[in-house]
N, C-alpha and C. Protein backbone atom coordinates (compact mmCIF):
# COMPACT_ATOMS: atom_id res chain seq x y z
N UNK A 1 -82.74 -79.10 21.44
CA UNK A 1 -82.02 -80.31 21.77
C UNK A 1 -81.32 -80.90 20.54
N UNK A 2 -81.98 -80.81 19.40
CA UNK A 2 -81.41 -81.36 18.17
C UNK A 2 -80.10 -80.65 17.81
N UNK A 3 -80.07 -79.33 17.97
CA UNK A 3 -78.84 -78.61 17.64
C UNK A 3 -77.71 -78.98 18.60
N UNK A 4 -78.04 -79.27 19.85
CA UNK A 4 -77.01 -79.69 20.81
C UNK A 4 -76.43 -81.04 20.38
N UNK A 5 -77.30 -81.97 19.99
CA UNK A 5 -76.82 -83.25 19.47
C UNK A 5 -75.96 -83.04 18.24
N UNK A 6 -76.40 -82.13 17.36
CA UNK A 6 -75.64 -81.82 16.15
C UNK A 6 -74.26 -81.28 16.52
N UNK A 7 -74.20 -80.42 17.52
CA UNK A 7 -72.92 -79.86 17.95
C UNK A 7 -72.00 -80.93 18.54
N UNK A 8 -72.57 -81.87 19.30
CA UNK A 8 -71.77 -82.97 19.86
C UNK A 8 -71.21 -83.84 18.74
N UNK A 9 -72.07 -84.20 17.79
CA UNK A 9 -71.61 -84.99 16.64
C UNK A 9 -70.57 -84.18 15.86
N UNK A 10 -70.79 -82.90 15.72
CA UNK A 10 -69.82 -82.04 15.05
C UNK A 10 -68.48 -82.03 15.74
N UNK A 11 -68.50 -82.06 17.07
CA UNK A 11 -67.25 -82.14 17.83
C UNK A 11 -66.51 -83.43 17.56
N UNK A 12 -67.25 -84.53 17.52
CA UNK A 12 -66.65 -85.83 17.21
C UNK A 12 -66.08 -85.82 15.79
N UNK A 13 -66.85 -85.27 14.85
CA UNK A 13 -66.38 -85.20 13.46
C UNK A 13 -65.14 -84.32 13.35
N UNK A 14 -65.09 -83.26 14.13
CA UNK A 14 -63.91 -82.39 14.12
C UNK A 14 -62.69 -83.14 14.62
N UNK A 15 -62.87 -83.97 15.64
CA UNK A 15 -61.75 -84.78 16.13
C UNK A 15 -61.27 -85.77 15.07
N UNK A 16 -62.20 -86.39 14.36
CA UNK A 16 -61.83 -87.29 13.26
C UNK A 16 -61.06 -86.51 12.20
N UNK A 17 -61.60 -85.36 11.83
CA UNK A 17 -60.96 -84.50 10.82
C UNK A 17 -59.55 -84.11 11.25
N UNK A 18 -59.40 -83.66 12.48
CA UNK A 18 -58.09 -83.21 12.96
C UNK A 18 -57.10 -84.37 13.06
N UNK A 19 -57.57 -85.54 13.49
CA UNK A 19 -56.68 -86.70 13.60
C UNK A 19 -56.14 -87.10 12.24
N UNK A 20 -57.01 -87.20 11.25
CA UNK A 20 -56.58 -87.59 9.90
C UNK A 20 -55.70 -86.49 9.30
N UNK A 21 -56.12 -85.23 9.44
CA UNK A 21 -55.36 -84.10 8.92
C UNK A 21 -53.94 -84.08 9.50
N UNK A 22 -53.84 -84.18 10.81
CA UNK A 22 -52.52 -84.14 11.45
C UNK A 22 -51.65 -85.31 11.05
N UNK A 23 -52.25 -86.50 11.00
CA UNK A 23 -51.47 -87.67 10.61
C UNK A 23 -50.90 -87.48 9.21
N UNK A 24 -51.75 -87.14 8.25
CA UNK A 24 -51.30 -87.00 6.87
C UNK A 24 -50.32 -85.84 6.71
N UNK A 25 -50.65 -84.70 7.29
CA UNK A 25 -49.83 -83.51 7.09
C UNK A 25 -48.43 -83.68 7.67
N UNK A 26 -48.33 -84.24 8.85
CA UNK A 26 -47.04 -84.33 9.51
C UNK A 26 -46.29 -85.63 9.22
N UNK A 27 -46.98 -86.66 8.76
CA UNK A 27 -46.31 -87.93 8.45
C UNK A 27 -45.37 -87.79 7.26
N UNK A 28 -45.66 -86.85 6.37
CA UNK A 28 -44.86 -86.72 5.16
C UNK A 28 -43.90 -85.53 5.20
N UNK A 29 -43.88 -84.79 6.31
CA UNK A 29 -42.90 -83.73 6.51
C UNK A 29 -42.98 -82.57 5.54
N UNK A 30 -44.16 -82.29 5.03
CA UNK A 30 -44.33 -81.16 4.11
C UNK A 30 -45.21 -80.12 4.77
N UNK A 31 -44.88 -78.85 4.57
CA UNK A 31 -45.63 -77.81 5.25
C UNK A 31 -46.20 -76.74 4.32
N UNK A 32 -46.17 -76.95 3.02
CA UNK A 32 -46.69 -75.92 2.11
C UNK A 32 -48.22 -75.96 2.05
N UNK A 33 -48.80 -74.84 1.65
CA UNK A 33 -50.26 -74.68 1.64
C UNK A 33 -50.95 -75.67 0.72
N UNK A 34 -50.37 -75.99 -0.43
CA UNK A 34 -50.99 -76.95 -1.35
C UNK A 34 -51.13 -78.32 -0.72
N UNK A 35 -50.12 -78.76 0.02
CA UNK A 35 -50.18 -80.05 0.70
C UNK A 35 -51.24 -80.01 1.80
N UNK A 36 -51.36 -78.87 2.46
CA UNK A 36 -52.39 -78.71 3.49
C UNK A 36 -53.78 -78.97 2.88
N UNK A 37 -54.05 -78.40 1.72
CA UNK A 37 -55.36 -78.54 1.09
C UNK A 37 -55.63 -80.01 0.73
N UNK A 38 -54.64 -80.70 0.20
CA UNK A 38 -54.80 -82.13 -0.13
C UNK A 38 -55.14 -82.93 1.13
N UNK A 39 -54.39 -82.70 2.19
CA UNK A 39 -54.64 -83.40 3.45
C UNK A 39 -56.02 -83.06 4.02
N UNK A 40 -56.42 -81.81 3.88
CA UNK A 40 -57.71 -81.35 4.41
C UNK A 40 -58.87 -82.03 3.67
N UNK A 41 -58.74 -82.22 2.37
CA UNK A 41 -59.79 -82.89 1.59
C UNK A 41 -59.91 -84.36 2.03
N UNK A 42 -58.80 -85.03 2.21
CA UNK A 42 -58.84 -86.43 2.65
C UNK A 42 -59.43 -86.54 4.05
N UNK A 43 -59.04 -85.63 4.93
CA UNK A 43 -59.58 -85.61 6.29
C UNK A 43 -61.09 -85.36 6.26
N UNK A 44 -61.51 -84.48 5.37
CA UNK A 44 -62.94 -84.21 5.21
C UNK A 44 -63.69 -85.48 4.85
N UNK A 45 -63.19 -86.25 3.93
CA UNK A 45 -63.87 -87.48 3.50
C UNK A 45 -64.05 -88.45 4.66
N UNK A 46 -63.04 -88.56 5.51
CA UNK A 46 -63.16 -89.43 6.69
C UNK A 46 -64.21 -88.87 7.65
N UNK A 47 -64.17 -87.57 7.89
CA UNK A 47 -65.11 -86.95 8.83
C UNK A 47 -66.54 -86.97 8.31
N UNK A 48 -66.73 -86.76 7.00
CA UNK A 48 -68.09 -86.71 6.47
C UNK A 48 -68.74 -88.09 6.48
N UNK A 49 -67.96 -89.13 6.32
CA UNK A 49 -68.50 -90.48 6.43
C UNK A 49 -69.00 -90.73 7.85
N UNK A 50 -68.19 -90.37 8.81
CA UNK A 50 -68.58 -90.47 10.21
C UNK A 50 -69.80 -89.59 10.49
N UNK A 51 -69.81 -88.41 9.93
CA UNK A 51 -70.89 -87.45 10.13
C UNK A 51 -72.23 -88.01 9.64
N UNK A 52 -72.24 -88.60 8.47
CA UNK A 52 -73.48 -89.15 7.92
C UNK A 52 -74.06 -90.21 8.85
N UNK A 53 -73.22 -91.12 9.28
CA UNK A 53 -73.69 -92.21 10.13
C UNK A 53 -74.24 -91.67 11.45
N UNK A 54 -73.49 -90.79 12.11
CA UNK A 54 -73.93 -90.27 13.41
C UNK A 54 -75.12 -89.33 13.30
N UNK A 55 -75.12 -88.45 12.30
CA UNK A 55 -76.25 -87.54 12.13
C UNK A 55 -77.52 -88.30 11.78
N UNK A 56 -77.41 -89.28 10.93
CA UNK A 56 -78.58 -90.05 10.50
C UNK A 56 -79.22 -90.78 11.68
N UNK A 57 -78.39 -91.39 12.51
CA UNK A 57 -78.92 -92.22 13.59
C UNK A 57 -79.13 -91.48 14.90
N UNK A 58 -78.22 -90.60 15.25
CA UNK A 58 -78.26 -89.98 16.57
C UNK A 58 -78.96 -88.63 16.58
N UNK A 59 -78.68 -87.79 15.61
CA UNK A 59 -79.21 -86.42 15.63
C UNK A 59 -80.61 -86.36 15.05
N UNK A 60 -80.78 -86.90 13.85
CA UNK A 60 -82.04 -86.74 13.13
C UNK A 60 -82.91 -87.99 13.16
N UNK A 61 -82.44 -89.07 13.78
CA UNK A 61 -83.20 -90.32 13.93
C UNK A 61 -83.90 -90.74 12.63
N UNK A 62 -83.14 -90.72 11.57
CA UNK A 62 -83.73 -91.02 10.27
C UNK A 62 -83.89 -92.52 10.06
N UNK A 63 -85.04 -92.87 9.59
CA UNK A 63 -85.29 -94.26 9.20
C UNK A 63 -85.78 -94.29 7.76
N UNK A 64 -85.44 -93.24 7.04
CA UNK A 64 -85.86 -93.10 5.64
C UNK A 64 -85.36 -94.30 4.85
N UNK A 65 -86.26 -94.94 4.16
CA UNK A 65 -85.89 -96.10 3.34
C UNK A 65 -85.14 -95.68 2.08
N UNK A 66 -85.18 -94.42 1.77
CA UNK A 66 -84.52 -93.90 0.56
C UNK A 66 -83.10 -93.45 0.90
N UNK A 67 -82.28 -94.40 1.29
CA UNK A 67 -80.93 -94.10 1.75
C UNK A 67 -80.11 -93.45 0.63
N UNK A 68 -80.28 -93.87 -0.60
CA UNK A 68 -79.50 -93.29 -1.70
C UNK A 68 -79.86 -91.82 -1.92
N UNK A 69 -81.14 -91.49 -1.85
CA UNK A 69 -81.58 -90.10 -1.98
C UNK A 69 -81.03 -89.28 -0.83
N UNK A 70 -81.22 -89.79 0.37
CA UNK A 70 -80.75 -89.10 1.56
C UNK A 70 -79.22 -88.94 1.54
N UNK A 71 -78.54 -90.01 1.19
CA UNK A 71 -77.08 -89.96 1.12
C UNK A 71 -76.58 -89.00 0.06
N UNK A 72 -77.27 -88.94 -1.07
CA UNK A 72 -76.89 -88.01 -2.14
C UNK A 72 -77.07 -86.56 -1.70
N UNK A 73 -78.19 -86.27 -1.05
CA UNK A 73 -78.42 -84.92 -0.54
C UNK A 73 -77.41 -84.56 0.55
N UNK A 74 -77.11 -85.53 1.41
CA UNK A 74 -76.11 -85.30 2.46
C UNK A 74 -74.77 -84.96 1.83
N UNK A 75 -74.41 -85.70 0.80
CA UNK A 75 -73.14 -85.45 0.12
C UNK A 75 -73.14 -84.07 -0.54
N UNK A 76 -74.26 -83.69 -1.14
CA UNK A 76 -74.36 -82.36 -1.76
C UNK A 76 -74.14 -81.25 -0.74
N UNK A 77 -74.83 -81.33 0.39
CA UNK A 77 -74.65 -80.32 1.45
C UNK A 77 -73.22 -80.36 1.97
N UNK A 78 -72.68 -81.56 2.16
CA UNK A 78 -71.33 -81.71 2.71
C UNK A 78 -70.26 -81.20 1.76
N UNK A 79 -70.41 -81.45 0.47
CA UNK A 79 -69.43 -80.97 -0.50
C UNK A 79 -69.47 -79.44 -0.59
N UNK A 80 -70.67 -78.87 -0.49
CA UNK A 80 -70.77 -77.41 -0.43
C UNK A 80 -70.02 -76.91 0.80
N UNK A 81 -70.23 -77.58 1.93
CA UNK A 81 -69.49 -77.23 3.14
C UNK A 81 -67.99 -77.43 2.99
N UNK A 82 -67.60 -78.49 2.28
CA UNK A 82 -66.18 -78.75 2.04
C UNK A 82 -65.53 -77.60 1.29
N UNK A 83 -66.19 -77.12 0.26
CA UNK A 83 -65.63 -76.03 -0.54
C UNK A 83 -65.41 -74.80 0.34
N UNK A 84 -66.40 -74.48 1.14
CA UNK A 84 -66.27 -73.32 2.03
C UNK A 84 -65.19 -73.59 3.08
N UNK A 85 -65.24 -74.77 3.69
CA UNK A 85 -64.29 -75.13 4.74
C UNK A 85 -62.85 -75.09 4.25
N UNK A 86 -62.58 -75.73 3.12
CA UNK A 86 -61.22 -75.79 2.60
C UNK A 86 -60.74 -74.40 2.16
N UNK A 87 -61.63 -73.62 1.56
CA UNK A 87 -61.25 -72.27 1.15
C UNK A 87 -60.89 -71.42 2.37
N UNK A 88 -61.74 -71.46 3.38
CA UNK A 88 -61.50 -70.65 4.57
C UNK A 88 -60.28 -71.16 5.34
N UNK A 89 -60.20 -72.47 5.55
CA UNK A 89 -59.07 -73.00 6.33
C UNK A 89 -57.75 -72.88 5.56
N UNK A 90 -57.80 -73.02 4.24
CA UNK A 90 -56.59 -72.84 3.43
C UNK A 90 -56.07 -71.41 3.50
N UNK A 91 -56.98 -70.45 3.40
CA UNK A 91 -56.59 -69.04 3.53
C UNK A 91 -56.08 -68.76 4.94
N UNK A 92 -56.75 -69.32 5.93
CA UNK A 92 -56.31 -69.11 7.31
C UNK A 92 -54.91 -69.68 7.52
N UNK A 93 -54.64 -70.85 6.95
CA UNK A 93 -53.31 -71.45 7.08
C UNK A 93 -52.25 -70.55 6.46
N UNK A 94 -52.54 -70.04 5.26
CA UNK A 94 -51.57 -69.15 4.61
C UNK A 94 -51.34 -67.90 5.44
N UNK A 95 -52.40 -67.28 5.91
CA UNK A 95 -52.27 -66.06 6.70
C UNK A 95 -51.51 -66.35 8.00
N UNK A 96 -51.87 -67.42 8.69
CA UNK A 96 -51.22 -67.74 9.96
C UNK A 96 -49.73 -68.05 9.79
N UNK A 97 -49.38 -68.77 8.74
CA UNK A 97 -47.97 -69.12 8.56
C UNK A 97 -47.14 -67.95 8.04
N UNK A 98 -47.78 -67.01 7.35
CA UNK A 98 -47.05 -65.84 6.84
C UNK A 98 -46.92 -64.77 7.91
N UNK A 99 -47.99 -64.53 8.64
CA UNK A 99 -48.01 -63.39 9.56
C UNK A 99 -47.61 -63.72 10.99
N UNK A 100 -47.59 -64.98 11.35
CA UNK A 100 -47.32 -65.36 12.74
C UNK A 100 -46.14 -66.32 12.77
N UNK A 101 -44.95 -65.76 12.77
CA UNK A 101 -43.73 -66.58 12.74
C UNK A 101 -43.58 -67.44 13.99
N UNK A 102 -44.13 -67.01 15.10
CA UNK A 102 -43.97 -67.75 16.35
C UNK A 102 -44.94 -68.92 16.48
N UNK A 103 -45.87 -69.05 15.56
CA UNK A 103 -46.86 -70.11 15.61
C UNK A 103 -46.25 -71.41 15.10
N UNK A 104 -46.37 -72.49 15.87
CA UNK A 104 -45.82 -73.78 15.45
C UNK A 104 -46.66 -74.34 14.31
N UNK A 105 -46.08 -75.18 13.48
CA UNK A 105 -46.86 -75.80 12.40
C UNK A 105 -48.07 -76.57 12.91
N UNK A 106 -47.94 -77.27 14.02
CA UNK A 106 -49.06 -78.02 14.58
C UNK A 106 -50.21 -77.08 14.94
N UNK A 107 -49.89 -75.98 15.57
CA UNK A 107 -50.92 -75.02 15.95
C UNK A 107 -51.53 -74.36 14.73
N UNK A 108 -50.72 -74.03 13.74
CA UNK A 108 -51.24 -73.41 12.51
C UNK A 108 -52.20 -74.33 11.78
N UNK A 109 -51.86 -75.60 11.66
CA UNK A 109 -52.71 -76.58 10.98
C UNK A 109 -54.04 -76.74 11.71
N UNK A 110 -53.98 -76.90 13.02
CA UNK A 110 -55.19 -77.15 13.78
C UNK A 110 -56.07 -75.92 13.94
N UNK A 111 -55.47 -74.77 14.15
CA UNK A 111 -56.24 -73.54 14.25
C UNK A 111 -56.92 -73.24 12.92
N UNK A 112 -56.24 -73.45 11.83
CA UNK A 112 -56.82 -73.23 10.49
C UNK A 112 -58.01 -74.17 10.27
N UNK A 113 -57.86 -75.42 10.67
CA UNK A 113 -58.94 -76.40 10.49
C UNK A 113 -60.16 -76.02 11.32
N UNK A 114 -59.95 -75.57 12.54
CA UNK A 114 -61.07 -75.18 13.40
C UNK A 114 -61.77 -73.93 12.85
N UNK A 115 -61.01 -73.00 12.32
CA UNK A 115 -61.59 -71.80 11.70
C UNK A 115 -62.48 -72.21 10.53
N UNK A 116 -62.01 -73.13 9.69
CA UNK A 116 -62.80 -73.61 8.56
C UNK A 116 -64.06 -74.34 9.00
N UNK A 117 -63.94 -75.14 10.05
CA UNK A 117 -65.10 -75.86 10.58
C UNK A 117 -66.14 -74.89 11.11
N UNK A 118 -65.70 -73.89 11.83
CA UNK A 118 -66.62 -72.89 12.35
C UNK A 118 -67.35 -72.14 11.25
N UNK A 119 -66.68 -71.97 10.13
CA UNK A 119 -67.28 -71.24 9.01
C UNK A 119 -68.48 -71.96 8.39
N UNK A 120 -68.56 -73.28 8.56
CA UNK A 120 -69.65 -74.03 7.91
C UNK A 120 -70.66 -74.63 8.89
N UNK A 121 -70.51 -74.39 10.16
CA UNK A 121 -71.39 -75.00 11.16
C UNK A 121 -72.86 -74.72 10.88
N UNK A 122 -73.24 -73.47 10.76
CA UNK A 122 -74.65 -73.10 10.58
C UNK A 122 -75.20 -73.58 9.24
N UNK A 123 -74.43 -73.41 8.17
CA UNK A 123 -74.93 -73.81 6.85
C UNK A 123 -75.12 -75.33 6.76
N UNK A 124 -74.23 -76.09 7.35
CA UNK A 124 -74.39 -77.55 7.35
C UNK A 124 -75.62 -77.96 8.16
N UNK A 125 -75.82 -77.36 9.32
CA UNK A 125 -76.98 -77.71 10.13
C UNK A 125 -78.27 -77.42 9.37
N UNK A 126 -78.35 -76.25 8.78
CA UNK A 126 -79.56 -75.90 8.02
C UNK A 126 -79.78 -76.84 6.85
N UNK A 127 -78.72 -77.15 6.12
CA UNK A 127 -78.83 -78.07 4.99
C UNK A 127 -79.26 -79.46 5.40
N UNK A 128 -78.66 -79.98 6.47
CA UNK A 128 -79.01 -81.32 6.93
C UNK A 128 -80.44 -81.37 7.47
N UNK A 129 -80.80 -80.38 8.29
CA UNK A 129 -82.11 -80.42 8.93
C UNK A 129 -83.26 -80.09 7.99
N UNK A 130 -83.03 -79.20 7.03
CA UNK A 130 -84.13 -78.76 6.14
C UNK A 130 -84.18 -79.53 4.83
N UNK A 131 -83.05 -80.01 4.36
CA UNK A 131 -83.01 -80.66 3.05
C UNK A 131 -82.83 -82.17 3.15
N UNK A 132 -81.88 -82.62 3.94
CA UNK A 132 -81.52 -84.04 3.96
C UNK A 132 -82.45 -84.87 4.83
N UNK A 133 -82.59 -84.47 6.08
CA UNK A 133 -83.33 -85.30 7.05
C UNK A 133 -84.69 -84.72 7.38
N UNK A 134 -85.23 -83.90 6.52
CA UNK A 134 -86.54 -83.29 6.73
C UNK A 134 -87.62 -84.34 6.52
N UNK A 135 -88.41 -84.59 7.52
CA UNK A 135 -89.44 -85.66 7.46
C UNK A 135 -90.75 -85.19 6.89
N UNK A 136 -90.85 -83.94 6.52
CA UNK A 136 -92.13 -83.40 6.04
C UNK A 136 -92.39 -83.81 4.62
């Protein structure tokens, strides 16, 4: 049941990530890979903030009084996930825009982001459940 809650929260976080990513990426009319990475990092920060709040309260029911310790560990796991996510999604964006001429920029941005998110799903869950919100 906990993993299902984690997946639901992950879906919400993905929507936050995609909304911020799309707004930033397309609001400024730039489509190069470097700009994609900048937008992806900013979108990650919005999504990870949402993720901490929802995972802490809804998924792991944490009432740990050591919020700074818990928050620091959450950030450590999340930044590790960010590095993997941005690397994978950045490469996916480059490959998709180079090899798939018929793919629209909107589809390339969003498909790349989802590929990156999928790449870190299991590692984030393990990190959060075993390291951050572990009650043992």
